[in-house]
Amino acid sequence: MNKFSVIAFANTLAIIDLTLHPLFHLWISVAPRSYEWMMNLFVAGLHLQVTDFDSSLSHIILGTIVEASVFWILGAMIALIYNKLTKS
């Protein structure tokens, strides 16, 4: 059975996040009300309100770095668990 390359899978998830996170912030800056509507529609119980903080450059950069790091760790964990389960 095929195994995942842990580093490659983790990098893939991190790169996807590095691409999508800034695009979501672009969406917030262009049409904040539609973003709020979409998030309220898809996440039950969430009442999101876009503020100036959400569009600040420091928040975008720091949020992107932290989120990409979390996605990298998540990707590595998924690949490691998958490889472990397919081994047996």
Protein backbone atom coordinates (compact mmCIF):
# COMPACT_ATOMS: atom_id res chain seq x y z
CA MET A 1 0.00 0.00 0.00
CA ASN A 2 1.21 3.52 -0.76
CA LYS A 3 2.44 5.76 2.03
CA PHE A 4 2.24 9.51 2.29
CA SER A 5 5.42 11.50 2.28
CA VAL A 6 5.01 13.29 5.60
CA ILE A 7 6.96 16.40 4.63
CA ALA A 8 5.32 16.67 1.20
CA PHE A 9 1.80 16.33 2.62
CA ALA A 10 2.49 18.85 5.40
CA ASN A 11 4.02 21.29 2.91
CA THR A 12 1.02 20.91 0.62
CA LEU A 13 -1.44 21.85 3.35
CA ALA A 14 0.73 24.78 4.44
CA ILE A 15 1.03 26.09 0.86
CA ILE A 16 -2.73 25.84 0.38
CA ASP A 17 -3.17 27.90 3.55
CA LEU A 18 -0.51 30.41 2.50
CA THR A 19 -2.52 30.95 -0.67
CA LEU A 20 -6.05 30.97 0.73
CA HIS A 21 -5.51 32.97 3.94
CA PRO A 22 -4.49 36.21 2.16
CA LEU A 23 -7.27 35.67 -0.41
CA PHE A 24 -9.86 35.54 2.37
CA HIS A 25 -8.45 38.78 3.78
CA LEU A 26 -8.69 40.31 0.31
CA TRP A 27 -12.34 39.23 0.22
CA ILE A 28 -12.84 40.83 3.65
CA SER A 29 -11.35 44.12 2.45
CA VAL A 30 -13.41 44.18 -0.76
CA ALA A 31 -16.78 42.92 0.50
CA PRO A 32 -16.88 42.53 4.29
CA ARG A 33 -20.66 42.10 4.53
CA SER A 34 -20.72 39.21 2.04
CA TYR A 35 -17.90 37.54 4.00
CA GLU A 36 -19.87 37.91 7.24
CA TRP A 37 -23.00 36.55 5.55
CA MET A 38 -21.14 33.53 4.13
CA MET A 39 -19.46 32.70 7.45
CA ASN A 40 -22.76 33.05 9.33
CA LEU A 41 -24.40 30.77 6.75
CA PHE A 42 -21.81 27.99 6.87
CA VAL A 43 -20.80 28.04 10.55
CA ALA A 44 -23.85 27.49 12.73
CA GLY A 45 -23.92 29.74 15.76
CA LEU A 46 -21.13 32.04 14.56
CA HIS A 47 -22.01 35.72 14.48
CA LEU A 48 -18.95 37.17 12.84
CA GLN A 49 -18.44 40.90 12.52
CA VAL A 50 -15.51 42.23 10.49
CA THR A 51 -13.53 44.97 12.26
CA ASP A 52 -10.58 47.17 11.29
CA PHE A 53 -8.31 44.72 13.11
CA ASP A 54 -9.20 42.02 10.56
CA SER A 55 -7.75 44.14 7.76
CA SER A 56 -4.58 45.28 9.51
CA LEU A 57 -1.36 44.18 7.82
CA SER A 58 0.19 42.87 11.04
CA HIS A 59 -2.88 40.69 11.71
CA ILE A 60 -2.82 39.31 8.16
CA ILE A 61 0.90 38.48 8.27
CA LEU A 62 0.92 37.03 11.79
CA GLY A 63 -2.34 35.13 11.20
CA THR A 64 -1.01 33.66 7.97
CA ILE A 65 2.21 32.48 9.61
CA VAL A 66 0.46 30.96 12.63
CA GLU A 67 -2.27 29.33 10.56
CA ALA A 68 0.20 27.90 8.00
CA SER A 69 2.26 26.47 10.87
CA VAL A 70 -0.81 24.82 12.37
CA PHE A 71 -1.79 23.40 8.98
CA TRP A 72 1.75 22.07 8.48
CA ILE A 73 1.62 20.29 11.85
CA LEU A 74 -1.87 19.00 11.08
CA GLY A 75 -0.70 17.68 7.69
CA ALA A 76 2.29 15.95 9.26
CA MET A 77 0.08 14.35 11.92
CA ILE A 78 -2.44 13.14 9.33
CA ALA A 79 0.31 11.64 7.16
CA LEU A 80 1.99 9.97 10.14
CA ILE A 81 -1.29 8.48 11.37
CA TYR A 82 -2.18 7.33 7.85
CA ASN A 83 1.21 5.71 7.40
CA LYS A 84 0.94 4.01 10.79
CA LEU A 85 -2.53 2.66 10.05
CA THR A 86 -1.60 1.37 6.59
CA LYS A 87 1.46 -0.40 7.99
CA SER A 88 -0.63 -2.94 9.88
